[in-house]
PDB file of N, CA and C in Angstrom:
ATOM      1  N   MET A   1      14.287   7.801 -15.476  1.00  0.00           N
ATOM      2  CA  MET A   1      14.770   8.093 -16.810  1.00  0.00           C
ATOM      3  C   MET A   1      14.626   9.600 -17.056  1.00  0.00           C
ATOM      4  N   SER A   2      15.539  10.141 -17.814  1.00  0.00           N
ATOM      5  CA  SER A   2      15.568  11.577 -18.074  1.00  0.00           C
ATOM      6  C   SER A   2      14.601  11.949 -19.205  1.00  0.00           C
ATOM      7  N   PRO A   3      14.290  13.240 -19.331  1.00  0.00           N
ATOM      8  CA  PRO A   3      13.439  13.670 -20.454  1.00  0.00           C
ATOM      9  C   PRO A   3      14.057  13.342 -21.808  1.00  0.00           C
ATOM     10  N   ALA A   4      15.389  13.402 -21.886  1.00  0.00           N
ATOM     11  CA  ALA A   4      16.050  13.069 -23.152  1.00  0.00           C
ATOM     12  C   ALA A   4      15.815  11.606 -23.525  1.00  0.00           C
ATOM     13  N   GLY A   5      15.795  10.731 -22.538  1.00  0.00           N
ATOM     14  CA  GLY A   5      15.526   9.319 -22.798  1.00  0.00           C
ATOM     15  C   GLY A   5      14.123   9.107 -23.348  1.00  0.00           C
ATOM     16  N   PHE A   6      13.153   9.783 -22.744  1.00  0.00           N
ATOM     17  CA  PHE A   6      11.779   9.686 -23.236  1.00  0.00           C
ATOM     18  C   PHE A   6      11.679  10.253 -24.648  1.00  0.00           C
ATOM     19  N   PHE A   7      12.380  11.362 -24.904  1.00  0.00           N
ATOM     20  CA  PHE A   7      12.371  11.978 -26.230  1.00  0.00           C
ATOM     21  C   PHE A   7      12.918  11.003 -27.272  1.00  0.00           C
ATOM     22  N   ILE A   8      14.051  10.397 -26.974  1.00  0.00           N
ATOM     23  CA  ILE A   8      14.688   9.478 -27.919  1.00  0.00           C
ATOM     24  C   ILE A   8      13.844   8.229 -28.143  1.00  0.00           C
ATOM     25  N   LEU A   9      13.274   7.679 -27.075  1.00  0.00           N
ATOM     26  CA  LEU A   9      12.448   6.480 -27.228  1.00  0.00           C
ATOM     27  C   LEU A   9      11.187   6.764 -28.033  1.00  0.00           C
ATOM     28  N   GLY A  10      10.556   7.909 -27.796  1.00  0.00           N
ATOM     29  CA  GLY A  10       9.389   8.287 -28.592  1.00  0.00           C
ATOM     30  C   GLY A  10       9.750   8.505 -30.041  1.00  0.00           C
ATOM     31  N   LEU A  11      10.877   9.151 -30.266  1.00  0.00           N
ATOM     32  CA  LEU A  11      11.368   9.386 -31.625  1.00  0.00           C
ATOM     33  C   LEU A  11      11.612   8.058 -32.346  1.00  0.00           C
ATOM     34  N   LEU A  12      12.309   7.137 -31.695  1.00  0.00           N
ATOM     35  CA  LEU A  12      12.612   5.846 -32.321  1.00  0.00           C
ATOM     36  C   LEU A  12      11.346   5.044 -32.621  1.00  0.00           C
ATOM     37  N   ALA A  13      10.397   5.080 -31.713  1.00  0.00           N
ATOM     38  CA  ALA A  13       9.157   4.340 -31.930  1.00  0.00           C
ATOM     39  C   ALA A  13       8.401   4.878 -33.145  1.00  0.00           C
ATOM     40  N   ASN A  14       8.274   6.190 -33.225  1.00  0.00           N
ATOM     41  CA  ASN A  14       7.539   6.771 -34.348  1.00  0.00           C
ATOM     42  C   ASN A  14       8.276   6.597 -35.675  1.00  0.00           C
ATOM     43  N   VAL A  15       9.575   6.799 -35.670  1.00  0.00           N
ATOM     44  CA  VAL A  15      10.338   6.685 -36.910  1.00  0.00           C
ATOM     45  C   VAL A  15      10.309   5.251 -37.428  1.00  0.00           C
ATOM     46  N   SER A  16      10.466   4.272 -36.539  1.00  0.00           N
ATOM     47  CA  SER A  16      10.448   2.873 -36.999  1.00  0.00           C
ATOM     48  C   SER A  16       9.080   2.491 -37.555  1.00  0.00           C
ATOM     49  N   GLY A  17       8.016   2.910 -36.905  1.00  0.00           N
ATOM     50  CA  GLY A  17       6.675   2.614 -37.407  1.00  0.00           C
ATOM     51  C   GLY A  17       6.381   3.301 -38.722  1.00  0.00           C
ATOM     52  N   THR A  18       6.793   4.555 -38.828  1.00  0.00           N
ATOM     53  CA  THR A  18       6.581   5.299 -40.066  1.00  0.00           C
ATOM     54  C   THR A  18       7.387   4.699 -41.208  1.00  0.00           C
ATOM     55  N   PHE A  19       8.619   4.325 -40.932  1.00  0.00           N
ATOM     56  CA  PHE A  19       9.462   3.738 -41.973  1.00  0.00           C
ATOM     57  C   PHE A  19       8.869   2.419 -42.476  1.00  0.00           C
ATOM     58  N   LEU A  20       8.459   1.563 -41.544  1.00  0.00           N
ATOM     59  CA  LEU A  20       7.900   0.270 -41.958  1.00  0.00           C
ATOM     60  C   LEU A  20       6.613   0.434 -42.755  1.00  0.00           C
ATOM     61  N   SER A  21       5.744   1.319 -42.322  1.00  0.00           N
ATOM     62  CA  SER A  21       4.500   1.505 -43.076  1.00  0.00           C
ATOM     63  C   SER A  21       4.759   2.179 -44.420  1.00  0.00           C
ATOM     64  N   SER A  22       5.757   3.076 -44.473  1.00  0.00           N
ATOM     65  CA  SER A  22       6.093   3.719 -45.751  1.00  0.00           C
ATOM     66  C   SER A  22       6.636   2.708 -46.748  1.00  0.00           C
ATOM     67  N   VAL A  23       7.448   1.788 -46.278  1.00  0.00           N
ATOM     68  CA  VAL A  23       8.040   0.784 -47.164  1.00  0.00           C
ATOM     69  C   VAL A  23       7.027  -0.289 -47.541  1.00  0.00           C
ATOM     70  N   MET A  24       6.296  -0.780 -46.560  1.00  0.00           N
ATOM     71  CA  MET A  24       5.406  -1.915 -46.795  1.00  0.00           C
ATOM     72  C   MET A  24       4.128  -1.529 -47.558  1.00  0.00           C
ATOM     73  N   PHE A  25       3.489  -0.443 -47.167  1.00  0.00           N
ATOM     74  CA  PHE A  25       2.173  -0.124 -47.708  1.00  0.00           C
ATOM     75  C   PHE A  25       2.192   0.982 -48.758  1.00  0.00           C
ATOM     76  N   PHE A  26       2.935   2.036 -48.494  1.00  0.00           N
ATOM     77  CA  PHE A  26       2.859   3.211 -49.365  1.00  0.00           C
ATOM     78  C   PHE A  26       3.927   3.231 -50.445  1.00  0.00           C
ATOM     79  N   ARG A  27       5.049   2.578 -50.220  1.00  0.00           N
ATOM     80  CA  ARG A  27       6.167   2.531 -51.162  1.00  0.00           C
ATOM     81  C   ARG A  27       6.533   3.933 -51.647  1.00  0.00           C
ATOM     82  N   LEU A  28       6.781   4.785 -50.681  1.00  0.00           N
ATOM     83  CA  LEU A  28       7.088   6.184 -50.985  1.00  0.00           C
ATOM     84  C   LEU A  28       8.475   6.323 -51.606  1.00  0.00           C
ATOM     85  N   PRO A  29       8.634   7.278 -52.517  1.00  0.00           N
ATOM     86  CA  PRO A  29       9.974   7.612 -53.006  1.00  0.00           C
ATOM     87  C   PRO A  29      10.808   8.236 -51.876  1.00  0.00           C
ATOM     88  N   MET A  30      12.079   8.421 -52.123  1.00  0.00           N
ATOM     89  CA  MET A  30      13.017   8.840 -51.074  1.00  0.00           C
ATOM     90  C   MET A  30      12.653  10.193 -50.448  1.00  0.00           C
ATOM     91  N   ILE A  31      12.396  11.217 -51.230  1.00  0.00           N
ATOM     92  CA  ILE A  31      12.137  12.558 -50.673  1.00  0.00           C
ATOM     93  C   ILE A  31      10.867  12.583 -49.826  1.00  0.00           C
ATOM     94  N   PRO A  32       9.726  12.070 -50.317  1.00  0.00           N
ATOM     95  CA  PRO A  32       8.549  12.045 -49.441  1.00  0.00           C
ATOM     96  C   PRO A  32       8.758  11.193 -48.183  1.00  0.00           C
ATOM     97  N   MET A  33       9.551  10.115 -48.306  1.00  0.00           N
ATOM     98  CA  MET A  33       9.809   9.297 -47.122  1.00  0.00           C
ATOM     99  C   MET A  33      10.633  10.066 -46.098  1.00  0.00           C
ATOM    100  N   LEU A  34      11.617  10.822 -46.553  1.00  0.00           N
ATOM    101  CA  LEU A  34      12.416  11.620 -45.624  1.00  0.00           C
ATOM    102  C   LEU A  34      11.578  12.702 -44.945  1.00  0.00           C
ATOM    103  N   LEU A  35      10.682  13.314 -45.698  1.00  0.00           N
ATOM    104  CA  LEU A  35       9.785  14.306 -45.089  1.00  0.00           C
ATOM    105  C   LEU A  35       8.870  13.647 -44.060  1.00  0.00           C
ATOM    106  N   SER A  36       8.368  12.478 -44.388  1.00  0.00           N
ATOM    107  CA  SER A  36       7.500  11.746 -43.468  1.00  0.00           C
ATOM    108  C   SER A  36       8.268  11.328 -42.209  1.00  0.00           C
ATOM    109  N   LEU A  37       9.497  10.874 -42.381  1.00  0.00           N
ATOM    110  CA  LEU A  37      10.314  10.473 -41.226  1.00  0.00           C
ATOM    111  C   LEU A  37      10.689  11.671 -40.367  1.00  0.00           C
ATOM    112  N   SER A  38      10.883  12.821 -40.984  1.00  0.00           N
ATOM    113  CA  SER A  38      11.179  14.032 -40.213  1.00  0.00           C
ATOM    114  C   SER A  38       9.991  14.431 -39.347  1.00  0.00           C
ATOM    115  N   ALA A  39       8.809  14.401 -39.938  1.00  0.00           N
ATOM    116  CA  ALA A  39       7.604  14.723 -39.169  1.00  0.00           C
ATOM    117  C   ALA A  39       7.381  13.699 -38.056  1.00  0.00           C
ATOM    118  N   ALA A  40       7.645  12.435 -38.348  1.00  0.00           N
ATOM    119  CA  ALA A  40       7.479  11.380 -37.345  1.00  0.00           C
ATOM    120  C   ALA A  40       8.465  11.556 -36.196  1.00  0.00           C
ATOM    121  N   SER A  41       9.690  11.968 -36.511  1.00  0.00           N
ATOM    122  CA  SER A  41      10.674  12.150 -35.442  1.00  0.00           C
ATOM    123  C   SER A  41      10.283  13.308 -34.529  1.00  0.00           C
ATOM    124  N   LEU A  42       9.782  14.379 -35.106  1.00  0.00           N
ATOM    125  CA  LEU A  42       9.360  15.516 -34.288  1.00  0.00           C
ATOM    126  C   LEU A  42       8.169  15.150 -33.407  1.00  0.00           C
ATOM    127  N   SER A  43       7.156  14.546 -33.999  1.00  0.00           N
ATOM    128  CA  SER A  43       5.972  14.204 -33.205  1.00  0.00           C
ATOM    129  C   SER A  43       6.282  13.124 -32.173  1.00  0.00           C
ATOM    130  N   GLY A  44       7.148  12.185 -32.507  1.00  0.00           N
ATOM    131  CA  GLY A  44       7.524  11.151 -31.539  1.00  0.00           C
ATOM    132  C   GLY A  44       8.307  11.715 -30.377  1.00  0.00           C
ATOM    133  N   GLY A  45       9.232  12.612 -30.666  1.00  0.00           N
ATOM    134  CA  GLY A  45      10.002  13.235 -29.599  1.00  0.00           C
ATOM    135  C   GLY A  45       9.140  14.072 -28.671  1.00  0.00           C
ATOM    136  N   LEU A  46       8.238  14.853 -29.258  1.00  0.00           N
ATOM    137  CA  LEU A  46       7.329  15.660 -28.427  1.00  0.00           C
ATOM    138  C   LEU A  46       6.389  14.774 -27.618  1.00  0.00           C
ATOM    139  N   GLY A  47       5.942  13.684 -28.217  1.00  0.00           N
ATOM    140  CA  GLY A  47       5.116  12.728 -27.479  1.00  0.00           C
ATOM    141  C   GLY A  47       5.872  12.104 -26.326  1.00  0.00           C
ATOM    142  N   GLY A  48       7.160  11.851 -26.518  1.00  0.00           N
ATOM    143  CA  GLY A  48       7.987  11.330 -25.432  1.00  0.00           C
ATOM    144  C   GLY A  48       8.108  12.326 -24.287  1.00  0.00           C
ATOM    145  N   LEU A  49       8.237  13.598 -24.613  1.00  0.00           N
ATOM    146  CA  LEU A  49       8.296  14.621 -23.567  1.00  0.00           C
ATOM    147  C   LEU A  49       6.972  14.733 -22.816  1.00  0.00           C
ATOM    148  N   ILE A  50       5.874  14.610 -23.534  1.00  0.00           N
ATOM    149  CA  ILE A  50       4.557  14.623 -22.877  1.00  0.00           C
ATOM    150  C   ILE A  50       4.426  13.411 -21.964  1.00  0.00           C
ATOM    151  N   ALA A  51       4.896  12.251 -22.429  1.00  0.00           N
ATOM    152  CA  ALA A  51       4.859  11.044 -21.598  1.00  0.00           C
ATOM    153  C   ALA A  51       5.701  11.228 -20.334  1.00  0.00           C
ATOM    154  N   PHE A  52       6.839  11.881 -20.457  1.00  0.00           N
ATOM    155  CA  PHE A  52       7.676  12.155 -19.287  1.00  0.00           C
ATOM    156  C   PHE A  52       6.931  12.999 -18.267  1.00  0.00           C
ATOM    157  N   ARG A  53       6.258  14.040 -18.746  1.00  0.00           N
ATOM    158  CA  ARG A  53       5.502  14.905 -17.821  1.00  0.00           C
ATOM    159  C   ARG A  53       4.368  14.152 -17.138  1.00  0.00           C
ATOM    160  N   ILE A  54       3.704  13.270 -17.886  1.00  0.00           N
ATOM    161  CA  ILE A  54       2.612  12.475 -17.309  1.00  0.00           C
ATOM    162  C   ILE A  54       3.139  11.530 -16.242  1.00  0.00           C
ATOM    163  N   ILE A  55       4.233  10.833 -16.548  1.00  0.00           N
ATOM    164  CA  ILE A  55       4.829   9.911 -15.577  1.00  0.00           C
ATOM    165  C   ILE A  55       5.286  10.665 -14.336  1.00  0.00           C
ATOM    166  N   LYS A  56       5.869  11.833 -14.534  1.00  0.00           N
ATOM    167  CA  LYS A  56       6.314  12.656 -13.410  1.00  0.00           C
ATOM    168  C   LYS A  56       5.132  13.063 -12.526  1.00  0.00           C
ATOM    169  N   ALA A  57       4.002  13.448 -13.150  1.00  0.00           N
ATOM    170  CA  ALA A  57       2.813  13.839 -12.387  1.00  0.00           C
ATOM    171  C   ALA A  57       2.215  12.647 -11.645  1.00  0.00           C
ATOM    172  N   ILE A  58       2.205  11.485 -12.281  1.00  0.00           N
ATOM    173  CA  ILE A  58       1.667  10.281 -11.625  1.00  0.00           C
ATOM    174  C   ILE A  58       2.529   9.902 -10.431  1.00  0.00           C
ATOM    175  N   ASN A  59       3.843   9.945 -10.606  1.00  0.00           N
ATOM    176  CA  ASN A  59       4.744   9.607  -9.480  1.00  0.00           C
ATOM    177  C   ASN A  59       4.606  10.602  -8.349  1.00  0.00           C
ATOM    178  N   LYS A  60       4.431  11.874  -8.684  1.00  0.00           N
ATOM    179  CA  LYS A  60       4.258  12.899  -7.671  1.00  0.00           C
ATOM    180  C   LYS A  60       2.967  12.686  -6.901  1.00  0.00           C
ATOM    181  N   GLN A  61       1.918  12.321  -7.602  1.00  0.00           N
ATOM    182  CA  GLN A  61       0.640  12.061  -6.967  1.00  0.00           C
ATOM    183  C   GLN A  61       0.722  10.832  -6.073  1.00  0.00           C
ATOM    184  N   GLY A  62       1.436   9.817  -6.528  1.00  0.00           N
ATOM    185  CA  GLY A  62       1.605   8.610  -5.715  1.00  0.00           C
ATOM    186  C   GLY A  62       2.373   8.882  -4.445  1.00  0.00           C
ATOM    187  N   ASP A  63       3.376   9.757  -4.525  1.00  0.00           N
ATOM    188  CA  ASP A  63       4.147  10.131  -3.335  1.00  0.00           C
ATOM    189  C   ASP A  63       3.273  10.887  -2.341  1.00  0.00           C
ATOM    190  N   ALA A  64       2.366  11.714  -2.842  1.00  0.00           N
ATOM    191  CA  ALA A  64       1.474  12.480  -1.965  1.00  0.00           C
ATOM    192  C   ALA A  64       0.478  11.565  -1.269  1.00  0.00           C
ATOM    193  N   ASN A  65       0.047  10.500  -1.926  1.00  0.00           N
ATOM    194  CA  ASN A  65      -0.900   9.573  -1.320  1.00  0.00           C
ATOM    195  C   ASN A  65      -0.266   8.718  -0.232  1.00  0.00           C
ATOM    196  N   GLU A  66       1.038   8.514  -0.290  1.00  0.00           N
ATOM    197  CA  GLU A  66       1.719   7.690   0.716  1.00  0.00           C
ATOM    198  C   GLU A  66       1.906   8.429   2.028  1.00  0.00           C
ATOM    199  N   LYS A  67       1.872   9.755   2.004  1.00  0.00           N
ATOM    200  CA  LYS A  67       2.103  10.538   3.227  1.00  0.00           C
ATOM    201  C   LYS A  67       0.915  10.582   4.123  1.00  0.00           C
TER     202      LYS A  67
END
């Protein structure tokens, strides 16, 4: 999977969780919810990129152990 795929999946995971908790528990008005979703999308996307780098390092290490 490409880095963009990890970015999008991380973004979707964070945004969906933030949206559900904002609606269910906090009942935020529209503007604070949009700000919260924006922050969630940024942190989720960056987390997806970090996950990509970790997976890449693990796969690289596994390839080195097979040789």
